[in-house]
């Protein structure tokens, strides 16, 4: 007996159809290889995007100052630049991946 939507179909089955992996008439088996390949492609695309975003996409557009990664050796120059530009608008944005 197959229930689908609002109708009920009764399909005749023989004893040989009761084995594991048998197919009903009109049944479509899902191909696991295609699903696995699709998942591999999606995961690969996500990994490539993350690598590009974190490591390759960190350049500034032309005409803009180069991006600076803060560390202990250059924090003093940031403080000095920030304090020297008191007449202009100053914005510091610190982003963290966590």
PDB file of N, CA and C in Angstrom:
ATOM      1  N   UNK A   1       0.861  -1.170   0.000  1.00  0.00           N
ATOM      2  CA  UNK A   1       0.000   0.000   0.000  1.00  0.00           C
ATOM      3  C   UNK A   1       0.898   1.221   0.000  1.00  0.00           C
ATOM      4  N   UNK A   2       0.628   2.151  -0.874  1.00  0.00           N
ATOM      5  CA  UNK A   2       1.402   3.374  -0.995  1.00  0.00           C
ATOM      6  C   UNK A   2       0.465   4.548  -0.797  1.00  0.00           C
ATOM      7  N   UNK A   3       0.800   5.411   0.150  1.00  0.00           N
ATOM      8  CA  UNK A   3      -0.001   6.596   0.408  1.00  0.00           C
ATOM      9  C   UNK A   3       0.719   7.789  -0.206  1.00  0.00           C
ATOM     10  N   UNK A   4       0.057   8.509  -1.061  1.00  0.00           N
ATOM     11  CA  UNK A   4       0.661   9.701  -1.632  1.00  0.00           C
ATOM     12  C   UNK A   4      -0.415  10.745  -1.840  1.00  0.00           C
ATOM     13  N   UNK A   5      -0.262  11.866  -1.156  1.00  0.00           N
ATOM     14  CA  UNK A   5      -1.248  12.929  -1.282  1.00  0.00           C
ATOM     15  C   UNK A   5      -2.601  12.470  -0.768  1.00  0.00           C
ATOM     16  N   UNK A   6      -3.606  12.515  -1.625  1.00  0.00           N
ATOM     17  CA  UNK A   6      -4.953  12.139  -1.223  1.00  0.00           C
ATOM     18  C   UNK A   6      -5.372  10.796  -1.788  1.00  0.00           C
ATOM     19  N   UNK A   7      -4.430  10.040  -2.375  1.00  0.00           N
ATOM     20  CA  UNK A   7      -4.853   8.778  -2.943  1.00  0.00           C
ATOM     21  C   UNK A   7      -4.069   7.623  -2.351  1.00  0.00           C
ATOM     22  N   UNK A   8      -4.644   6.470  -2.398  1.00  0.00           N
ATOM     23  CA  UNK A   8      -4.038   5.254  -1.874  1.00  0.00           C
ATOM     24  C   UNK A   8      -3.918   4.277  -3.026  1.00  0.00           C
ATOM     25  N   UNK A   9      -2.712   3.767  -3.247  1.00  0.00           N
ATOM     26  CA  UNK A   9      -2.485   2.761  -4.283  1.00  0.00           C
ATOM     27  C   UNK A   9      -2.130   1.447  -3.615  1.00  0.00           C
ATOM     28  N   UNK A  10      -2.710   0.374  -4.111  1.00  0.00           N
ATOM     29  CA  UNK A  10      -2.371  -0.955  -3.625  1.00  0.00           C
ATOM     30  C   UNK A  10      -1.588  -1.630  -4.730  1.00  0.00           C
ATOM     31  N   UNK A  11      -0.335  -1.974  -4.424  1.00  0.00           N
ATOM     32  CA  UNK A  11       0.531  -2.583  -5.418  1.00  0.00           C
ATOM     33  C   UNK A  11       0.705  -4.058  -5.092  1.00  0.00           C
ATOM     34  N   UNK A  12       0.505  -4.921  -6.060  1.00  0.00           N
ATOM     35  CA  UNK A  12       0.699  -6.353  -5.802  1.00  0.00           C
ATOM     36  C   UNK A  12       2.186  -6.664  -5.643  1.00  0.00           C
ATOM     37  N   UNK A  13       2.522  -7.426  -4.638  1.00  0.00           N
ATOM     38  CA  UNK A  13       3.907  -7.805  -4.386  1.00  0.00           C
ATOM     39  C   UNK A  13       4.004  -9.311  -4.324  1.00  0.00           C
ATOM     40  N   UNK A  14       5.055  -9.830  -4.926  1.00  0.00           N
ATOM     41  CA  UNK A  14       5.302 -11.257  -4.796  1.00  0.00           C
ATOM     42  C   UNK A  14       6.323 -11.469  -3.695  1.00  0.00           C
ATOM     43  N   UNK A  15       6.588 -12.704  -3.351  1.00  0.00           N
ATOM     44  CA  UNK A  15       7.548 -13.007  -2.288  1.00  0.00           C
ATOM     45  C   UNK A  15       8.948 -12.549  -2.675  1.00  0.00           C
ATOM     46  N   UNK A  16       9.262 -12.548  -3.966  1.00  0.00           N
ATOM     47  CA  UNK A  16      10.600 -12.133  -4.393  1.00  0.00           C
ATOM     48  C   UNK A  16      10.799 -10.631  -4.242  1.00  0.00           C
ATOM     49  N   UNK A  17       9.696  -9.856  -4.199  1.00  0.00           N
ATOM     50  CA  UNK A  17       9.813  -8.404  -4.053  1.00  0.00           C
ATOM     51  C   UNK A  17      10.065  -7.977  -2.618  1.00  0.00           C
ATOM     52  N   UNK A  18      10.005  -8.882  -1.671  1.00  0.00           N
ATOM     53  CA  UNK A  18      10.159  -8.496  -0.276  1.00  0.00           C
ATOM     54  C   UNK A  18      11.617  -8.430   0.153  1.00  0.00           C
ATOM     55  N   UNK A  19      12.540  -8.721  -0.754  1.00  0.00           N
ATOM     56  CA  UNK A  19      13.958  -8.655  -0.412  1.00  0.00           C
ATOM     57  C   UNK A  19      14.404  -7.210  -0.266  1.00  0.00           C
ATOM     58  N   UNK A  20      15.489  -7.052   0.481  1.00  0.00           N
ATOM     59  CA  UNK A  20      16.052  -5.708   0.658  1.00  0.00           C
ATOM     60  C   UNK A  20      16.563  -5.201  -0.680  1.00  0.00           C
ATOM     61  N   UNK A  21      16.264  -3.966  -1.001  1.00  0.00           N
ATOM     62  CA  UNK A  21      16.739  -3.354  -2.229  1.00  0.00           C
ATOM     63  C   UNK A  21      15.835  -3.578  -3.417  1.00  0.00           C
ATOM     64  N   UNK A  22      14.690  -4.217  -3.238  1.00  0.00           N
ATOM     65  CA  UNK A  22      13.799  -4.422  -4.375  1.00  0.00           C
ATOM     66  C   UNK A  22      13.128  -3.106  -4.734  1.00  0.00           C
ATOM     67  N   UNK A  23      12.671  -3.029  -5.971  1.00  0.00           N
ATOM     68  CA  UNK A  23      12.053  -1.809  -6.448  1.00  0.00           C
ATOM     69  C   UNK A  23      10.577  -2.038  -6.699  1.00  0.00           C
ATOM     70  N   UNK A  24       9.773  -1.039  -6.305  1.00  0.00           N
ATOM     71  CA  UNK A  24       8.368  -1.017  -6.683  1.00  0.00           C
ATOM     72  C   UNK A  24       8.280  -0.527  -8.119  1.00  0.00           C
ATOM     73  N   UNK A  25       7.191  -0.870  -8.819  1.00  0.00           N
ATOM     74  CA  UNK A  25       7.044  -0.337 -10.173  1.00  0.00           C
ATOM     75  C   UNK A  25       6.988   1.187 -10.140  1.00  0.00           C
ATOM     76  N   UNK A  26       7.814   1.818 -10.944  1.00  0.00           N
ATOM     77  CA  UNK A  26       7.823   3.276 -11.001  1.00  0.00           C
ATOM     78  C   UNK A  26       8.674   3.934  -9.932  1.00  0.00           C
ATOM     79  N   UNK A  27       9.315   3.153  -9.066  1.00  0.00           N
ATOM     80  CA  UNK A  27      10.141   3.741  -8.006  1.00  0.00           C
ATOM     81  C   UNK A  27      11.450   4.239  -8.604  1.00  0.00           C
ATOM     82  N   UNK A  28      11.900   5.391  -8.155  1.00  0.00           N
ATOM     83  CA  UNK A  28      13.154   5.958  -8.627  1.00  0.00           C
ATOM     84  C   UNK A  28      14.157   5.866  -7.490  1.00  0.00           C
ATOM     85  N   UNK A  29      15.250   5.155  -7.727  1.00  0.00           N
ATOM     86  CA  UNK A  29      16.286   5.053  -6.698  1.00  0.00           C
ATOM     87  C   UNK A  29      17.181   6.276  -6.761  1.00  0.00           C
ATOM     88  N   UNK A  30      17.546   6.782  -5.601  1.00  0.00           N
ATOM     89  CA  UNK A  30      18.422   7.940  -5.526  1.00  0.00           C
ATOM     90  C   UNK A  30      19.856   7.481  -5.766  1.00  0.00           C
ATOM     91  N   UNK A  31      20.555   8.193  -6.538  1.00  0.00           N
ATOM     92  CA  UNK A  31      21.930   7.823  -6.835  1.00  0.00           C
ATOM     93  C   UNK A  31      22.837   8.522  -5.836  1.00  0.00           C
ATOM     94  N   UNK A  32      23.441   7.737  -4.979  1.00  0.00           N
ATOM     95  CA  UNK A  32      24.252   8.291  -3.893  1.00  0.00           C
ATOM     96  C   UNK A  32      25.541   8.924  -4.400  1.00  0.00           C
ATOM     97  N   UNK A  33      26.079   8.440  -5.536  1.00  0.00           N
ATOM     98  CA  UNK A  33      27.307   9.030  -6.061  1.00  0.00           C
ATOM     99  C   UNK A  33      27.096  10.498  -6.415  1.00  0.00           C
ATOM    100  N   UNK A  34      25.968  10.802  -7.034  1.00  0.00           N
ATOM    101  CA  UNK A  34      25.710  12.185  -7.436  1.00  0.00           C
ATOM    102  C   UNK A  34      25.554  13.091  -6.216  1.00  0.00           C
ATOM    103  N   UNK A  35      24.934  12.593  -5.179  1.00  0.00           N
ATOM    104  CA  UNK A  35      24.764  13.382  -3.958  1.00  0.00           C
ATOM    105  C   UNK A  35      26.123  13.639  -3.312  1.00  0.00           C
ATOM    106  N   UNK A  36      26.959  12.622  -3.261  1.00  0.00           N
ATOM    107  CA  UNK A  36      28.282  12.774  -2.652  1.00  0.00           C
ATOM    108  C   UNK A  36      29.134  13.735  -3.471  1.00  0.00           C
ATOM    109  N   UNK A  37      29.109  13.597  -4.791  1.00  0.00           N
ATOM    110  CA  UNK A  37      29.870  14.520  -5.640  1.00  0.00           C
ATOM    111  C   UNK A  37      29.368  15.953  -5.467  1.00  0.00           C
ATOM    112  N   UNK A  38      28.079  16.122  -5.373  1.00  0.00           N
ATOM    113  CA  UNK A  38      27.518  17.452  -5.172  1.00  0.00           C
ATOM    114  C   UNK A  38      27.973  18.064  -3.855  1.00  0.00           C
ATOM    115  N   UNK A  39      27.967  17.254  -2.792  1.00  0.00           N
ATOM    116  CA  UNK A  39      28.426  17.746  -1.487  1.00  0.00           C
ATOM    117  C   UNK A  39      29.903  18.110  -1.519  1.00  0.00           C
ATOM    118  N   UNK A  40      30.709  17.306  -2.207  1.00  0.00           N
ATOM    119  CA  UNK A  40      32.140  17.601  -2.314  1.00  0.00           C
ATOM    120  C   UNK A  40      32.351  18.924  -3.052  1.00  0.00           C
ATOM    121  N   UNK A  41      31.594  19.148  -4.113  1.00  0.00           N
ATOM    122  CA  UNK A  41      31.727  20.395  -4.866  1.00  0.00           C
ATOM    123  C   UNK A  41      31.319  21.591  -4.004  1.00  0.00           C
ATOM    124  N   UNK A  42      30.225  21.477  -3.257  1.00  0.00           N
ATOM    125  CA  UNK A  42      29.756  22.581  -2.415  1.00  0.00           C
ATOM    126  C   UNK A  42      30.769  22.875  -1.303  1.00  0.00           C
ATOM    127  N   UNK A  43      31.258  21.844  -0.633  1.00  0.00           N
ATOM    128  CA  UNK A  43      32.237  22.041   0.448  1.00  0.00           C
ATOM    129  C   UNK A  43      33.528  22.629  -0.118  1.00  0.00           C
ATOM    130  N   UNK A  44      33.958  22.153  -1.284  1.00  0.00           N
ATOM    131  CA  UNK A  44      35.158  22.699  -1.916  1.00  0.00           C
ATOM    132  C   UNK A  44      35.002  24.171  -2.258  1.00  0.00           C
ATOM    133  N   UNK A  45      33.832  24.543  -2.763  1.00  0.00           N
ATOM    134  CA  UNK A  45      33.582  25.951  -3.101  1.00  0.00           C
ATOM    135  C   UNK A  45      33.610  26.820  -1.848  1.00  0.00           C
ATOM    136  N   UNK A  46      33.047  26.322  -0.758  1.00  0.00           N
ATOM    137  CA  UNK A  46      33.053  27.078   0.495  1.00  0.00           C
ATOM    138  C   UNK A  46      34.484  27.254   1.010  1.00  0.00           C
ATOM    139  N   UNK A  47      35.282  26.203   0.946  1.00  0.00           N
ATOM    140  CA  UNK A  47      36.675  26.286   1.405  1.00  0.00           C
ATOM    141  C   UNK A  47      37.462  27.289   0.556  1.00  0.00           C
ATOM    142  N   UNK A  48      37.275  27.244  -0.766  1.00  0.00           N
ATOM    143  CA  UNK A  48      37.969  28.203  -1.629  1.00  0.00           C
ATOM    144  C   UNK A  48      37.550  29.638  -1.340  1.00  0.00           C
ATOM    145  N   UNK A  49      36.264  29.858  -1.084  1.00  0.00           N
ATOM    146  CA  UNK A  49      35.796  31.200  -0.759  1.00  0.00           C
ATOM    147  C   UNK A  49      36.409  31.696   0.542  1.00  0.00           C
ATOM    148  N   UNK A  50      36.469  30.854   1.562  1.00  0.00           N
ATOM    149  CA  UNK A  50      37.030  31.254   2.857  1.00  0.00           C
ATOM    150  C   UNK A  50      38.523  31.566   2.708  1.00  0.00           C
ATOM    151  N   UNK A  51      39.252  30.740   1.969  1.00  0.00           N
ATOM    152  CA  UNK A  51      40.679  30.996   1.758  1.00  0.00           C
ATOM    153  C   UNK A  51      40.869  32.314   1.023  1.00  0.00           C
ATOM    154  N   UNK A  52      40.087  32.560  -0.015  1.00  0.00           N
ATOM    155  CA  UNK A  52      40.194  33.822  -0.747  1.00  0.00           C
ATOM    156  C   UNK A  52      39.864  35.002   0.154  1.00  0.00           C
ATOM    157  N   UNK A  53      38.787  34.889   0.915  1.00  0.00           N
ATOM    158  CA  UNK A  53      38.336  35.999   1.755  1.00  0.00           C
ATOM    159  C   UNK A  53      39.351  36.326   2.846  1.00  0.00           C
ATOM    160  N   UNK A  54      39.922  35.300   3.471  1.00  0.00           N
ATOM    161  CA  UNK A  54      40.825  35.534   4.597  1.00  0.00           C
ATOM    162  C   UNK A  54      42.249  35.868   4.179  1.00  0.00           C
ATOM    163  N   UNK A  55      42.735  35.298   3.077  1.00  0.00           N
ATOM    164  CA  UNK A  55      44.149  35.441   2.762  1.00  0.00           C
ATOM    165  C   UNK A  55      44.437  36.180   1.454  1.00  0.00           C
ATOM    166  N   UNK A  56      43.590  36.062   0.467  1.00  0.00           N
ATOM    167  CA  UNK A  56      43.896  36.656  -0.828  1.00  0.00           C
ATOM    168  C   UNK A  56      43.145  37.960  -1.080  1.00  0.00           C
ATOM    169  N   UNK A  57      42.057  38.177  -0.394  1.00  0.00           N
ATOM    170  CA  UNK A  57      41.239  39.350  -0.656  1.00  0.00           C
ATOM    171  C   UNK A  57      41.517  40.525   0.243  1.00  0.00           C
ATOM    172  N   UNK A  58      42.728  40.663   0.746  1.00  0.00           N
ATOM    173  CA  UNK A  58      43.013  41.739   1.696  1.00  0.00           C
ATOM    174  C   UNK A  58      43.853  42.848   1.070  1.00  0.00           C
ATOM    175  N   UNK A  59      43.462  43.312  -0.085  1.00  0.00           N
ATOM    176  CA  UNK A  59      44.149  44.438  -0.708  1.00  0.00           C
ATOM    177  C   UNK A  59      43.195  45.616  -0.782  1.00  0.00           C
ATOM    178  N   UNK A  60      43.739  46.781  -0.675  1.00  0.00           N
ATOM    179  CA  UNK A  60      42.918  47.992  -0.727  1.00  0.00           C
ATOM    180  C   UNK A  60      42.724  48.405  -2.190  1.00  0.00           C
ATOM    181  N   UNK A  61      41.613  49.066  -2.493  1.00  0.00           N
ATOM    182  CA  UNK A  61      41.406  49.572  -3.856  1.00  0.00           C
ATOM    183  C   UNK A  61      42.451  50.626  -4.204  1.00  0.00           C
ATOM    184  N   UNK A  62      42.641  50.852  -5.509  1.00  0.00           N
ATOM    185  CA  UNK A  62      43.624  51.857  -5.930  1.00  0.00           C
ATOM    186  C   UNK A  62      43.195  53.240  -5.450  1.00  0.00           C
ATOM    187  N   UNK A  63      44.147  54.033  -5.015  1.00  0.00           N
ATOM    188  CA  UNK A  63      43.865  55.367  -4.502  1.00  0.00           C
ATOM    189  C   UNK A  63      43.610  55.399  -3.007  1.00  0.00           C
ATOM    190  N   UNK A  64      43.553  54.259  -2.377  1.00  0.00           N
ATOM    191  CA  UNK A  64      43.321  54.179  -0.929  1.00  0.00           C
ATOM    192  C   UNK A  64      44.595  53.683  -0.272  1.00  0.00           C
ATOM    193  N   UNK A  65      44.815  54.118   0.962  1.00  0.00           N
ATOM    194  CA  UNK A  65      45.997  53.658   1.686  1.00  0.00           C
ATOM    195  C   UNK A  65      45.935  52.153   1.889  1.00  0.00           C
ATOM    196  N   UNK A  66      47.098  51.562   1.984  1.00  0.00           N
ATOM    197  CA  UNK A  66      47.180  50.112   2.168  1.00  0.00           C
ATOM    198  C   UNK A  66      46.593  49.706   3.520  1.00  0.00           C
ATOM    199  N   UNK A  67      46.058  48.495   3.564  1.00  0.00           N
ATOM    200  CA  UNK A  67      45.510  47.969   4.812  1.00  0.00           C
ATOM    201  C   UNK A  67      46.642  47.654   5.774  1.00  0.00           C
ATOM    202  N   UNK A  68      46.384  47.827   7.061  1.00  0.00           N
ATOM    203  CA  UNK A  68      47.398  47.591   8.088  1.00  0.00           C
ATOM    204  C   UNK A  68      46.852  46.571   9.078  1.00  0.00           C
ATOM    205  N   UNK A  69      47.654  45.568   9.343  1.00  0.00           N
ATOM    206  CA  UNK A  69      47.294  44.600  10.383  1.00  0.00           C
ATOM    207  C   UNK A  69      47.987  45.031  11.674  1.00  0.00           C
ATOM    208  N   UNK A  70      47.191  45.215  12.698  1.00  0.00           N
ATOM    209  CA  UNK A  70      47.740  45.687  13.968  1.00  0.00           C
ATOM    210  C   UNK A  70      48.431  44.564  14.716  1.00  0.00           C
ATOM    211  N   UNK A  71      49.552  44.901  15.307  1.00  0.00           N
ATOM    212  CA  UNK A  71      50.253  44.004  16.217  1.00  0.00           C
ATOM    213  C   UNK A  71      50.990  44.872  17.237  1.00  0.00           C
ATOM    214  N   UNK A  72      51.716  44.282  18.119  1.00  0.00           N
ATOM    215  CA  UNK A  72      52.380  45.028  19.193  1.00  0.00           C
ATOM    216  C   UNK A  72      53.429  46.004  18.677  1.00  0.00           C
ATOM    217  N   UNK A  73      54.016  45.735  17.524  1.00  0.00           N
ATOM    218  CA  UNK A  73      55.088  46.601  17.032  1.00  0.00           C
ATOM    219  C   UNK A  73      54.568  47.876  16.368  1.00  0.00           C
ATOM    220  N   UNK A  74      53.336  47.899  15.862  1.00  0.00           N
ATOM    221  CA  UNK A  74      52.864  49.100  15.170  1.00  0.00           C
ATOM    222  C   UNK A  74      51.695  49.796  15.873  1.00  0.00           C
ATOM    223  N   UNK A  75      51.372  49.434  17.082  1.00  0.00           N
ATOM    224  CA  UNK A  75      50.250  50.064  17.786  1.00  0.00           C
ATOM    225  C   UNK A  75      50.587  51.504  18.183  1.00  0.00           C
ATOM    226  N   UNK A  76      51.851  51.768  18.474  1.00  0.00           N
ATOM    227  CA  UNK A  76      52.243  53.138  18.845  1.00  0.00           C
ATOM    228  C   UNK A  76      52.084  54.105  17.673  1.00  0.00           C
ATOM    229  N   UNK A  77      52.414  53.669  16.472  1.00  0.00           N
ATOM    230  CA  UNK A  77      52.240  54.544  15.305  1.00  0.00           C
ATOM    231  C   UNK A  77      50.754  54.807  15.039  1.00  0.00           C
ATOM    232  N   UNK A  78      49.891  53.854  15.330  1.00  0.00           N
ATOM    233  CA  UNK A  78      48.449  54.071  15.192  1.00  0.00           C
ATOM    234  C   UNK A  78      47.973  55.122  16.182  1.00  0.00           C
ATOM    235  N   UNK A  79      48.413  55.017  17.425  1.00  0.00           N
ATOM    236  CA  UNK A  79      48.039  56.018  18.438  1.00  0.00           C
ATOM    237  C   UNK A  79      48.515  57.414  18.033  1.00  0.00           C
ATOM    238  N   UNK A  80      49.727  57.504  17.538  1.00  0.00           N
ATOM    239  CA  UNK A  80      50.285  58.795  17.144  1.00  0.00           C
ATOM    240  C   UNK A  80      49.502  59.379  15.959  1.00  0.00           C
ATOM    241  N   UNK A  81      49.207  58.575  14.958  1.00  0.00           N
ATOM    242  CA  UNK A  81      48.436  59.052  13.792  1.00  0.00           C
ATOM    243  C   UNK A  81      47.040  59.479  14.201  1.00  0.00           C
ATOM    244  N   UNK A  82      46.429  58.722  15.082  1.00  0.00           N
ATOM    245  CA  UNK A  82      45.083  59.041  15.540  1.00  0.00           C
ATOM    246  C   UNK A  82      45.068  60.376  16.284  1.00  0.00           C
ATOM    247  N   UNK A  83      46.016  60.578  17.185  1.00  0.00           N
ATOM    248  CA  UNK A  83      46.057  61.808  17.973  1.00  0.00           C
ATOM    249  C   UNK A  83      46.458  63.027  17.143  1.00  0.00           C
ATOM    250  N   UNK A  84      47.256  62.853  16.096  1.00  0.00           N
ATOM    251  CA  UNK A  84      47.680  63.963  15.245  1.00  0.00           C
ATOM    252  C   UNK A  84      46.554  64.477  14.350  1.00  0.00           C
ATOM    253  N   UNK A  85      45.580  63.661  14.047  1.00  0.00           N
ATOM    254  CA  UNK A  85      44.503  64.064  13.128  1.00  0.00           C
ATOM    255  C   UNK A  85      43.251  64.459  13.895  1.00  0.00           C
ATOM    256  N   UNK A  86      43.413  65.316  14.900  1.00  0.00           N
ATOM    257  CA  UNK A  86      42.280  65.726  15.728  1.00  0.00           C
ATOM    258  C   UNK A  86      41.304  66.630  14.977  1.00  0.00           C
ATOM    259  N   UNK A  87      41.734  67.260  13.880  1.00  0.00           N
ATOM    260  CA  UNK A  87      40.859  68.164  13.125  1.00  0.00           C
ATOM    261  C   UNK A  87      39.947  67.431  12.142  1.00  0.00           C
ATOM    262  N   UNK A  88      40.180  66.170  11.891  1.00  0.00           N
ATOM    263  CA  UNK A  88      39.372  65.433  10.901  1.00  0.00           C
ATOM    264  C   UNK A  88      38.570  64.317  11.590  1.00  0.00           C
ATOM    265  N   UNK A  89      37.669  63.745  10.835  1.00  0.00           N
ATOM    266  CA  UNK A  89      36.856  62.645  11.358  1.00  0.00           C
ATOM    267  C   UNK A  89      37.745  61.410  11.461  1.00  0.00           C
ATOM    268  N   UNK A  90      37.669  60.733  12.609  1.00  0.00           N
ATOM    269  CA  UNK A  90      38.485  59.552  12.844  1.00  0.00           C
ATOM    270  C   UNK A  90      37.593  58.389  13.199  1.00  0.00           C
ATOM    271  N   UNK A  91      37.820  57.279  12.553  1.00  0.00           N
ATOM    272  CA  UNK A  91      37.046  56.069  12.844  1.00  0.00           C
ATOM    273  C   UNK A  91      38.025  54.912  12.912  1.00  0.00           C
ATOM    274  N   UNK A  92      37.923  54.145  13.968  1.00  0.00           N
ATOM    275  CA  UNK A  92      38.712  52.924  14.088  1.00  0.00           C
ATOM    276  C   UNK A  92      37.723  51.781  14.222  1.00  0.00           C
ATOM    277  N   UNK A  93      37.887  50.802  13.358  1.00  0.00           N
ATOM    278  CA  UNK A  93      36.993  49.643  13.389  1.00  0.00           C
ATOM    279  C   UNK A  93      37.853  48.409  13.605  1.00  0.00           C
ATOM    280  N   UNK A  94      37.557  47.679  14.638  1.00  0.00           N
ATOM    281  CA  UNK A  94      38.276  46.453  14.919  1.00  0.00           C
ATOM    282  C   UNK A  94      37.323  45.283  14.722  1.00  0.00           C
ATOM    283  N   UNK A  95      37.673  44.401  13.819  1.00  0.00           N
ATOM    284  CA  UNK A  95      36.847  43.247  13.513  1.00  0.00           C
ATOM    285  C   UNK A  95      37.544  41.997  13.996  1.00  0.00           C
ATOM    286  N   UNK A  96      36.779  41.096  14.527  1.00  0.00           N
ATOM    287  CA  UNK A  96      37.314  39.837  14.998  1.00  0.00           C
ATOM    288  C   UNK A  96      36.477  38.698  14.437  1.00  0.00           C
ATOM    289  N   UNK A  97      37.085  37.617  13.990  1.00  0.00           N
ATOM    290  CA  UNK A  97      36.325  36.509  13.420  1.00  0.00           C
ATOM    291  C   UNK A  97      35.578  35.678  14.468  1.00  0.00           C
ATOM    292  N   UNK A  98      35.770  35.981  15.729  1.00  0.00           N
ATOM    293  CA  UNK A  98      35.076  35.199  16.766  1.00  0.00           C
ATOM    294  C   UNK A  98      33.856  35.895  17.267  1.00  0.00           C
TER     295      UNK A  98
END
